[in-house]
PDB file of N, CA and C in Angstrom:
ATOM      1  N   MET A   1      17.539  12.063  -1.371  1.00  0.00           N
ATOM      2  CA  MET A   1      17.332  13.404  -1.860  1.00  0.00           C
ATOM      3  C   MET A   1      16.224  13.428  -2.909  1.00  0.00           C
ATOM      4  N   GLY A   2      16.152  12.358  -3.669  1.00  0.00           N
ATOM      5  CA  GLY A   2      15.076  12.278  -4.651  1.00  0.00           C
ATOM      6  C   GLY A   2      13.713  12.257  -3.985  1.00  0.00           C
ATOM      7  N   GLY A   3      13.612  11.544  -2.875  1.00  0.00           N
ATOM      8  CA  GLY A   3      12.361  11.495  -2.136  1.00  0.00           C
ATOM      9  C   GLY A   3      11.954  12.857  -1.600  1.00  0.00           C
ATOM     10  N   LEU A   4      12.916  13.642  -1.159  1.00  0.00           N
ATOM     11  CA  LEU A   4      12.612  14.992  -0.688  1.00  0.00           C
ATOM     12  C   LEU A   4      12.086  15.861  -1.819  1.00  0.00           C
ATOM     13  N   LEU A   5      12.701  15.759  -2.985  1.00  0.00           N
ATOM     14  CA  LEU A   5      12.236  16.537  -4.127  1.00  0.00           C
ATOM     15  C   LEU A   5      10.826  16.141  -4.540  1.00  0.00           C
ATOM     16  N   VAL A   6      10.558  14.850  -4.573  1.00  0.00           N
ATOM     17  CA  VAL A   6       9.230  14.388  -4.956  1.00  0.00           C
ATOM     18  C   VAL A   6       8.207  14.793  -3.900  1.00  0.00           C
ATOM     19  N   ASN A   7       8.567  14.730  -2.624  1.00  0.00           N
ATOM     20  CA  ASN A   7       7.652  15.172  -1.570  1.00  0.00           C
ATOM     21  C   ASN A   7       7.338  16.651  -1.672  1.00  0.00           C
ATOM     22  N   LEU A   8       8.297  17.452  -2.086  1.00  0.00           N
ATOM     23  CA  LEU A   8       8.032  18.870  -2.259  1.00  0.00           C
ATOM     24  C   LEU A   8       7.110  19.126  -3.444  1.00  0.00           C
ATOM     25  N   LYS A   9       7.163  18.276  -4.429  1.00  0.00           N
ATOM     26  CA  LYS A   9       6.287  18.425  -5.594  1.00  0.00           C
ATOM     27  C   LYS A   9       4.885  17.902  -5.301  1.00  0.00           C
ATOM     28  N   PHE A  10       4.781  16.725  -4.693  1.00  0.00           N
ATOM     29  CA  PHE A  10       3.492  16.088  -4.399  1.00  0.00           C
ATOM     30  C   PHE A  10       3.300  16.009  -2.888  1.00  0.00           C
ATOM     31  N   TYR A  11       3.129  17.138  -2.259  1.00  0.00           N
ATOM     32  CA  TYR A  11       2.997  17.156  -0.808  1.00  0.00           C
ATOM     33  C   TYR A  11       1.553  16.867  -0.390  1.00  0.00           C
ATOM     34  N   THR A  12       1.400  16.364   0.842  1.00  0.00           N
ATOM     35  CA  THR A  12       0.097  16.082   1.413  1.00  0.00           C
ATOM     36  C   THR A  12       0.025  16.756   2.780  1.00  0.00           C
ATOM     37  N   LEU A  13      -0.876  17.722   2.900  1.00  0.00           N
ATOM     38  CA  LEU A  13      -1.008  18.427   4.168  1.00  0.00           C
ATOM     39  C   LEU A  13      -2.280  18.042   4.918  1.00  0.00           C
ATOM     40  N   THR A  14      -3.205  17.371   4.260  1.00  0.00           N
ATOM     41  CA  THR A  14      -4.431  16.929   4.921  1.00  0.00           C
ATOM     42  C   THR A  14      -4.396  15.412   5.042  1.00  0.00           C
ATOM     43  N   TRP A  15      -4.327  14.908   6.249  1.00  0.00           N
ATOM     44  CA  TRP A  15      -4.259  13.479   6.482  1.00  0.00           C
ATOM     45  C   TRP A  15      -4.836  13.169   7.851  1.00  0.00           C
ATOM     46  N   THR A  16      -5.202  11.903   8.032  1.00  0.00           N
ATOM     47  CA  THR A  16      -5.817  11.493   9.296  1.00  0.00           C
ATOM     48  C   THR A  16      -4.862  10.713  10.185  1.00  0.00           C
ATOM     49  N   SER A  17      -3.828  10.106   9.607  1.00  0.00           N
ATOM     50  CA  SER A  17      -2.827   9.408  10.415  1.00  0.00           C
ATOM     51  C   SER A  17      -1.465   9.549   9.747  1.00  0.00           C
ATOM     52  N   GLU A  18      -0.428   9.256  10.521  1.00  0.00           N
ATOM     53  CA  GLU A  18       0.934   9.384  10.007  1.00  0.00           C
ATOM     54  C   GLU A  18       1.232   8.363   8.922  1.00  0.00           C
ATOM     55  N   VAL A  19       0.516   7.253   8.924  1.00  0.00           N
ATOM     56  CA  VAL A  19       0.745   6.207   7.922  1.00  0.00           C
ATOM     57  C   VAL A  19       0.439   6.727   6.526  1.00  0.00           C
ATOM     58  N   VAL A  20      -0.569   7.565   6.408  1.00  0.00           N
ATOM     59  CA  VAL A  20      -0.947   8.112   5.106  1.00  0.00           C
ATOM     60  C   VAL A  20       0.202   8.931   4.529  1.00  0.00           C
ATOM     61  N   VAL A  21       0.849   9.716   5.353  1.00  0.00           N
ATOM     62  CA  VAL A  21       1.931  10.579   4.870  1.00  0.00           C
ATOM     63  C   VAL A  21       3.181   9.776   4.540  1.00  0.00           C
ATOM     64  N   VAL A  22       3.536   8.833   5.402  1.00  0.00           N
ATOM     65  CA  VAL A  22       4.799   8.130   5.254  1.00  0.00           C
ATOM     66  C   VAL A  22       4.719   6.975   4.268  1.00  0.00           C
ATOM     67  N   LYS A  23       3.690   6.165   4.348  1.00  0.00           N
ATOM     68  CA  LYS A  23       3.641   4.929   3.568  1.00  0.00           C
ATOM     69  C   LYS A  23       2.785   5.010   2.313  1.00  0.00           C
ATOM     70  N   ARG A  24       1.837   5.904   2.266  1.00  0.00           N
ATOM     71  CA  ARG A  24       0.906   5.929   1.142  1.00  0.00           C
ATOM     72  C   ARG A  24       1.045   7.179   0.293  1.00  0.00           C
ATOM     73  N   SER A  25       2.162   7.819   0.337  1.00  0.00           N
ATOM     74  CA  SER A  25       2.338   9.044  -0.430  1.00  0.00           C
ATOM     75  C   SER A  25       2.836   8.737  -1.842  1.00  0.00           C
ATOM     76  N   ALA A  26       2.676   9.722  -2.708  1.00  0.00           N
ATOM     77  CA  ALA A  26       3.132   9.560  -4.091  1.00  0.00           C
ATOM     78  C   ALA A  26       4.648   9.427  -4.148  1.00  0.00           C
ATOM     79  N   SER A  27       5.347  10.129  -3.278  1.00  0.00           N
ATOM     80  CA  SER A  27       6.808  10.057  -3.315  1.00  0.00           C
ATOM     81  C   SER A  27       7.304   8.663  -2.936  1.00  0.00           C
ATOM     82  N   THR A  28       6.628   8.007  -2.012  1.00  0.00           N
ATOM     83  CA  THR A  28       7.034   6.649  -1.638  1.00  0.00           C
ATOM     84  C   THR A  28       6.905   5.716  -2.824  1.00  0.00           C
ATOM     85  N   MET A  29       5.795   5.801  -3.537  1.00  0.00           N
ATOM     86  CA  MET A  29       5.583   4.942  -4.690  1.00  0.00           C
ATOM     87  C   MET A  29       6.564   5.272  -5.813  1.00  0.00           C
ATOM     88  N   ILE A  30       6.743   6.545  -6.096  1.00  0.00           N
ATOM     89  CA  ILE A  30       7.635   6.951  -7.186  1.00  0.00           C
ATOM     90  C   ILE A  30       9.075   6.537  -6.893  1.00  0.00           C
ATOM     91  N   MET A  31       9.540   6.769  -5.669  1.00  0.00           N
ATOM     92  CA  MET A  31      10.924   6.441  -5.348  1.00  0.00           C
ATOM     93  C   MET A  31      11.154   4.942  -5.228  1.00  0.00           C
ATOM     94  N   THR A  32      10.149   4.191  -4.762  1.00  0.00           N
ATOM     95  CA  THR A  32      10.293   2.742  -4.683  1.00  0.00           C
ATOM     96  C   THR A  32      10.412   2.132  -6.067  1.00  0.00           C
ATOM     97  N   PHE A  33       9.464   2.470  -6.942  1.00  0.00           N
ATOM     98  CA  PHE A  33       9.505   1.907  -8.289  1.00  0.00           C
ATOM     99  C   PHE A  33      10.630   2.511  -9.128  1.00  0.00           C
ATOM    100  N   GLY A  34      10.995   3.764  -8.856  1.00  0.00           N
ATOM    101  CA  GLY A  34      12.116   4.368  -9.557  1.00  0.00           C
ATOM    102  C   GLY A  34      13.438   3.710  -9.202  1.00  0.00           C
ATOM    103  N   GLY A  35      13.631   3.426  -7.927  1.00  0.00           N
ATOM    104  CA  GLY A  35      14.846   2.721  -7.502  1.00  0.00           C
ATOM    105  C   GLY A  35      14.907   1.316  -8.056  1.00  0.00           C
ATOM    106  N   LEU A  36      13.763   0.651  -8.069  1.00  0.00           N
ATOM    107  CA  LEU A  36      13.688  -0.695  -8.633  1.00  0.00           C
ATOM    108  C   LEU A  36      14.014  -0.681 -10.124  1.00  0.00           C
ATOM    109  N   ALA A  37      13.469   0.296 -10.836  1.00  0.00           N
ATOM    110  CA  ALA A  37      13.754   0.419 -12.267  1.00  0.00           C
ATOM    111  C   ALA A  37      15.226   0.737 -12.509  1.00  0.00           C
ATOM    112  N   LEU A  38      15.823   1.547 -11.650  1.00  0.00           N
ATOM    113  CA  LEU A  38      17.239   1.879 -11.783  1.00  0.00           C
ATOM    114  C   LEU A  38      18.112   0.638 -11.612  1.00  0.00           C
ATOM    115  N   VAL A  39      17.797  -0.188 -10.640  1.00  0.00           N
ATOM    116  CA  VAL A  39      18.576  -1.408 -10.409  1.00  0.00           C
ATOM    117  C   VAL A  39      18.438  -2.372 -11.579  1.00  0.00           C
ATOM    118  N   PHE A  40      17.205  -2.607 -12.013  1.00  0.00           N
ATOM    119  CA  PHE A  40      17.002  -3.523 -13.136  1.00  0.00           C
ATOM    120  C   PHE A  40      17.587  -2.957 -14.430  1.00  0.00           C
ATOM    121  N   GLY A  41      17.477  -1.643 -14.617  1.00  0.00           N
ATOM    122  CA  GLY A  41      18.054  -1.019 -15.803  1.00  0.00           C
ATOM    123  C   GLY A  41      19.568  -1.140 -15.835  1.00  0.00           C
ATOM    124  N   ALA A  42      20.205  -0.937 -14.679  1.00  0.00           N
ATOM    125  CA  ALA A  42      21.662  -1.065 -14.609  1.00  0.00           C
ATOM    126  C   ALA A  42      22.095  -2.502 -14.867  1.00  0.00           C
ATOM    127  N   GLY A  43      21.338  -3.451 -14.315  1.00  0.00           N
ATOM    128  CA  GLY A  43      21.660  -4.865 -14.553  1.00  0.00           C
ATOM    129  C   GLY A  43      21.467  -5.255 -16.007  1.00  0.00           C
ATOM    130  N   PHE A  44      20.378  -4.790 -16.611  1.00  0.00           N
ATOM    131  CA  PHE A  44      20.137  -5.080 -18.024  1.00  0.00           C
ATOM    132  C   PHE A  44      21.205  -4.452 -18.905  1.00  0.00           C
ATOM    133  N   LEU A  45      21.586  -3.211 -18.591  1.00  0.00           N
ATOM    134  CA  LEU A  45      22.614  -2.540 -19.382  1.00  0.00           C
ATOM    135  C   LEU A  45      23.941  -3.280 -19.297  1.00  0.00           C
ATOM    136  N   PHE A  46      24.284  -3.801 -18.108  1.00  0.00           N
ATOM    137  CA  PHE A  46      25.532  -4.534 -17.969  1.00  0.00           C
ATOM    138  C   PHE A  46      25.533  -5.801 -18.821  1.00  0.00           C
ATOM    139  N   THR A  47      24.385  -6.463 -18.927  1.00  0.00           N
ATOM    140  CA  THR A  47      24.333  -7.684 -19.744  1.00  0.00           C
ATOM    141  C   THR A  47      24.415  -7.382 -21.230  1.00  0.00           C
ATOM    142  N   GLN A  48      24.078  -6.151 -21.631  1.00  0.00           N
ATOM    143  CA  GLN A  48      24.065  -5.808 -23.050  1.00  0.00           C
ATOM    144  C   GLN A  48      25.401  -5.269 -23.555  1.00  0.00           C
ATOM    145  N   ILE A  49      26.190  -4.647 -22.678  1.00  0.00           N
ATOM    146  CA  ILE A  49      27.482  -4.122 -23.115  1.00  0.00           C
ATOM    147  C   ILE A  49      28.574  -5.080 -22.668  1.00  0.00           C
ATOM    148  N   ASN A  50      29.704  -4.960 -23.282  1.00  0.00           N
ATOM    149  CA  ASN A  50      30.784  -5.919 -23.053  1.00  0.00           C
ATOM    150  C   ASN A  50      32.014  -5.201 -22.490  1.00  0.00           C
ATOM    151  N   ILE A  51      31.926  -4.785 -21.208  1.00  0.00           N
ATOM    152  CA  ILE A  51      33.074  -4.152 -20.561  1.00  0.00           C
ATOM    153  C   ILE A  51      33.305  -4.833 -19.213  1.00  0.00           C
ATOM    154  N   SER A  52      34.424  -4.511 -18.616  1.00  0.00           N
ATOM    155  CA  SER A  52      34.793  -5.087 -17.316  1.00  0.00           C
ATOM    156  C   SER A  52      33.815  -4.626 -16.234  1.00  0.00           C
ATOM    157  N   LEU A  53      33.586  -5.491 -15.262  1.00  0.00           N
ATOM    158  CA  LEU A  53      32.686  -5.165 -14.159  1.00  0.00           C
ATOM    159  C   LEU A  53      33.207  -3.967 -13.369  1.00  0.00           C
ATOM    160  N   ASN A  54      34.516  -3.884 -13.151  1.00  0.00           N
ATOM    161  CA  ASN A  54      35.081  -2.766 -12.394  1.00  0.00           C
ATOM    162  C   ASN A  54      34.855  -1.434 -13.100  1.00  0.00           C
ATOM    163  N   ILE A  55      35.053  -1.397 -14.395  1.00  0.00           N
ATOM    164  CA  ILE A  55      34.824  -0.171 -15.158  1.00  0.00           C
ATOM    165  C   ILE A  55      33.348   0.195 -15.131  1.00  0.00           C
ATOM    166  N   TYR A  56      32.499  -0.800 -15.286  1.00  0.00           N
ATOM    167  CA  TYR A  56      31.059  -0.552 -15.264  1.00  0.00           C
ATOM    168  C   TYR A  56      30.614   0.003 -13.911  1.00  0.00           C
ATOM    169  N   LEU A  57      31.121  -0.553 -12.821  1.00  0.00           N
ATOM    170  CA  LEU A  57      30.763  -0.060 -11.497  1.00  0.00           C
ATOM    171  C   LEU A  57      31.283   1.354 -11.267  1.00  0.00           C
ATOM    172  N   MET A  58      32.451   1.681 -11.812  1.00  0.00           N
ATOM    173  CA  MET A  58      32.958   3.056 -11.711  1.00  0.00           C
ATOM    174  C   MET A  58      32.052   4.021 -12.464  1.00  0.00           C
ATOM    175  N   ILE A  59      31.568   3.618 -13.628  1.00  0.00           N
ATOM    176  CA  ILE A  59      30.666   4.464 -14.411  1.00  0.00           C
ATOM    177  C   ILE A  59      29.352   4.678 -13.661  1.00  0.00           C
ATOM    178  N   ILE A  60      28.799   3.605 -13.113  1.00  0.00           N
ATOM    179  CA  ILE A  60      27.548   3.718 -12.351  1.00  0.00           C
ATOM    180  C   ILE A  60      27.746   4.603 -11.122  1.00  0.00           C
ATOM    181  N   THR A  61      28.874   4.449 -10.433  1.00  0.00           N
ATOM    182  CA  THR A  61      29.157   5.263  -9.258  1.00  0.00           C
ATOM    183  C   THR A  61      29.272   6.731  -9.624  1.00  0.00           C
ATOM    184  N   MET A  62      29.963   7.045 -10.712  1.00  0.00           N
ATOM    185  CA  MET A  62      30.075   8.439 -11.157  1.00  0.00           C
ATOM    186  C   MET A  62      28.706   9.005 -11.510  1.00  0.00           C
ATOM    187  N   PHE A  63      27.862   8.202 -12.165  1.00  0.00           N
ATOM    188  CA  PHE A  63      26.510   8.640 -12.502  1.00  0.00           C
ATOM    189  C   PHE A  63      25.712   8.962 -11.243  1.00  0.00           C
ATOM    190  N   LEU A  64      25.809   8.115 -10.230  1.00  0.00           N
ATOM    191  CA  LEU A  64      25.060   8.344  -9.000  1.00  0.00           C
ATOM    192  C   LEU A  64      25.586   9.552  -8.221  1.00  0.00           C
ATOM    193  N   VAL A  65      26.893   9.748  -8.235  1.00  0.00           N
ATOM    194  CA  VAL A  65      27.468  10.923  -7.556  1.00  0.00           C
ATOM    195  C   VAL A  65      27.016  12.203  -8.248  1.00  0.00           C
ATOM    196  N   ILE A  66      27.036  12.224  -9.571  1.00  0.00           N
ATOM    197  CA  ILE A  66      26.584  13.401 -10.319  1.00  0.00           C
ATOM    198  C   ILE A  66      25.098  13.648 -10.067  1.00  0.00           C
ATOM    199  N   THR A  67      24.311  12.577 -10.029  1.00  0.00           N
ATOM    200  CA  THR A  67      22.885  12.717  -9.740  1.00  0.00           C
ATOM    201  C   THR A  67      22.660  13.285  -8.347  1.00  0.00           C
ATOM    202  N   ASP A  68      23.422  12.833  -7.362  1.00  0.00           N
ATOM    203  CA  ASP A  68      23.310  13.374  -6.004  1.00  0.00           C
ATOM    204  C   ASP A  68      23.678  14.849  -5.947  1.00  0.00           C
ATOM    205  N   ILE A  69      24.708  15.240  -6.676  1.00  0.00           N
ATOM    206  CA  ILE A  69      25.103  16.650  -6.705  1.00  0.00           C
ATOM    207  C   ILE A  69      23.999  17.498  -7.313  1.00  0.00           C
ATOM    208  N   VAL A  70      23.387  17.017  -8.403  1.00  0.00           N
ATOM    209  CA  VAL A  70      22.291  17.749  -9.040  1.00  0.00           C
ATOM    210  C   VAL A  70      21.090  17.839  -8.092  1.00  0.00           C
ATOM    211  N   PHE A  71      20.745  16.725  -7.436  1.00  0.00           N
ATOM    212  CA  PHE A  71      19.635  16.742  -6.483  1.00  0.00           C
ATOM    213  C   PHE A  71      19.915  17.697  -5.331  1.00  0.00           C
ATOM    214  N   PHE A  72      21.148  17.717  -4.837  1.00  0.00           N
ATOM    215  CA  PHE A  72      21.503  18.619  -3.754  1.00  0.00           C
ATOM    216  C   PHE A  72      21.347  20.072  -4.190  1.00  0.00           C
ATOM    217  N   TYR A  73      21.806  20.396  -5.399  1.00  0.00           N
ATOM    218  CA  TYR A  73      21.672  21.748  -5.921  1.00  0.00           C
ATOM    219  C   TYR A  73      20.198  22.122  -6.058  1.00  0.00           C
ATOM    220  N   LEU A  74      19.384  21.201  -6.575  1.00  0.00           N
ATOM    221  CA  LEU A  74      17.953  21.468  -6.704  1.00  0.00           C
ATOM    222  C   LEU A  74      17.288  21.681  -5.348  1.00  0.00           C
ATOM    223  N   LEU A  75      17.692  20.902  -4.356  1.00  0.00           N
ATOM    224  CA  LEU A  75      17.130  21.089  -3.020  1.00  0.00           C
ATOM    225  C   LEU A  75      17.519  22.439  -2.431  1.00  0.00           C
ATOM    226  N   LYS A  76      18.744  22.872  -2.646  1.00  0.00           N
ATOM    227  CA  LYS A  76      19.194  24.149  -2.104  1.00  0.00           C
ATOM    228  C   LYS A  76      18.507  25.332  -2.779  1.00  0.00           C
ATOM    229  N   LYS A  77      18.196  25.221  -4.055  1.00  0.00           N
ATOM    230  CA  LYS A  77      17.577  26.336  -4.787  1.00  0.00           C
ATOM    231  C   LYS A  77      16.059  26.178  -4.832  1.00  0.00           C
ATOM    232  N   TRP A  78      15.581  25.248  -5.633  1.00  0.00           N
ATOM    233  CA  TRP A  78      14.147  25.084  -5.838  1.00  0.00           C
ATOM    234  C   TRP A  78      13.460  24.555  -4.587  1.00  0.00           C
ATOM    235  N   GLY A  79      14.105  23.656  -3.859  1.00  0.00           N
ATOM    236  CA  GLY A  79      13.489  23.061  -2.684  1.00  0.00           C
ATOM    237  C   GLY A  79      13.180  24.075  -1.599  1.00  0.00           C
ATOM    238  N   VAL A  80      14.093  24.986  -1.360  1.00  0.00           N
ATOM    239  CA  VAL A  80      13.872  26.018  -0.345  1.00  0.00           C
ATOM    240  C   VAL A  80      12.736  26.935  -0.781  1.00  0.00           C
ATOM    241  N   GLU A  81      12.722  27.328  -2.058  1.00  0.00           N
ATOM    242  CA  GLU A  81      11.653  28.183  -2.565  1.00  0.00           C
ATOM    243  C   GLU A  81      10.300  27.482  -2.470  1.00  0.00           C
ATOM    244  N   ARG A  82      10.263  26.210  -2.838  1.00  0.00           N
ATOM    245  CA  ARG A  82       9.013  25.450  -2.792  1.00  0.00           C
ATOM    246  C   ARG A  82       8.527  25.269  -1.356  1.00  0.00           C
ATOM    247  N   PHE A  83       9.439  24.991  -0.452  1.00  0.00           N
ATOM    248  CA  PHE A  83       9.069  24.825   0.955  1.00  0.00           C
ATOM    249  C   PHE A  83       8.486  26.109   1.520  1.00  0.00           C
ATOM    250  N   ASN A  84       9.056  27.246   1.159  1.00  0.00           N
ATOM    251  CA  ASN A  84       8.547  28.523   1.640  1.00  0.00           C
ATOM    252  C   ASN A  84       7.171  28.846   1.040  1.00  0.00           C
ATOM    253  N   GLN A  85       6.892  28.343  -0.167  1.00  0.00           N
ATOM    254  CA  GLN A  85       5.569  28.547  -0.770  1.00  0.00           C
ATOM    255  C   GLN A  85       4.505  27.732  -0.055  1.00  0.00           C
ATOM    256  N   ILE A  86       4.882  26.559   0.410  1.00  0.00           N
ATOM    257  CA  ILE A  86       3.911  25.685   1.074  1.00  0.00           C
ATOM    258  C   ILE A  86       3.577  26.262   2.412  1.00  0.00           C
TER     259      ILE A  86
END
């Protein structure tokens, strides 16, 4: 869902091949490095705090579920409006 939001913000309508849109877009780079930063950040945070792994995984899962709900809401409201503008 994050990739869809970023694609709506940084869209590319002029291209010469499908590779440019799929592999060389800003959303691909942002979501790849953003996901990588999220994984490393979560791992670093776990090493810095002193709680059980099960509790930590529940907290991370709740954070990701809330983030998905927010992204879904943004796609339903702003995403539809942005798509219609394009």
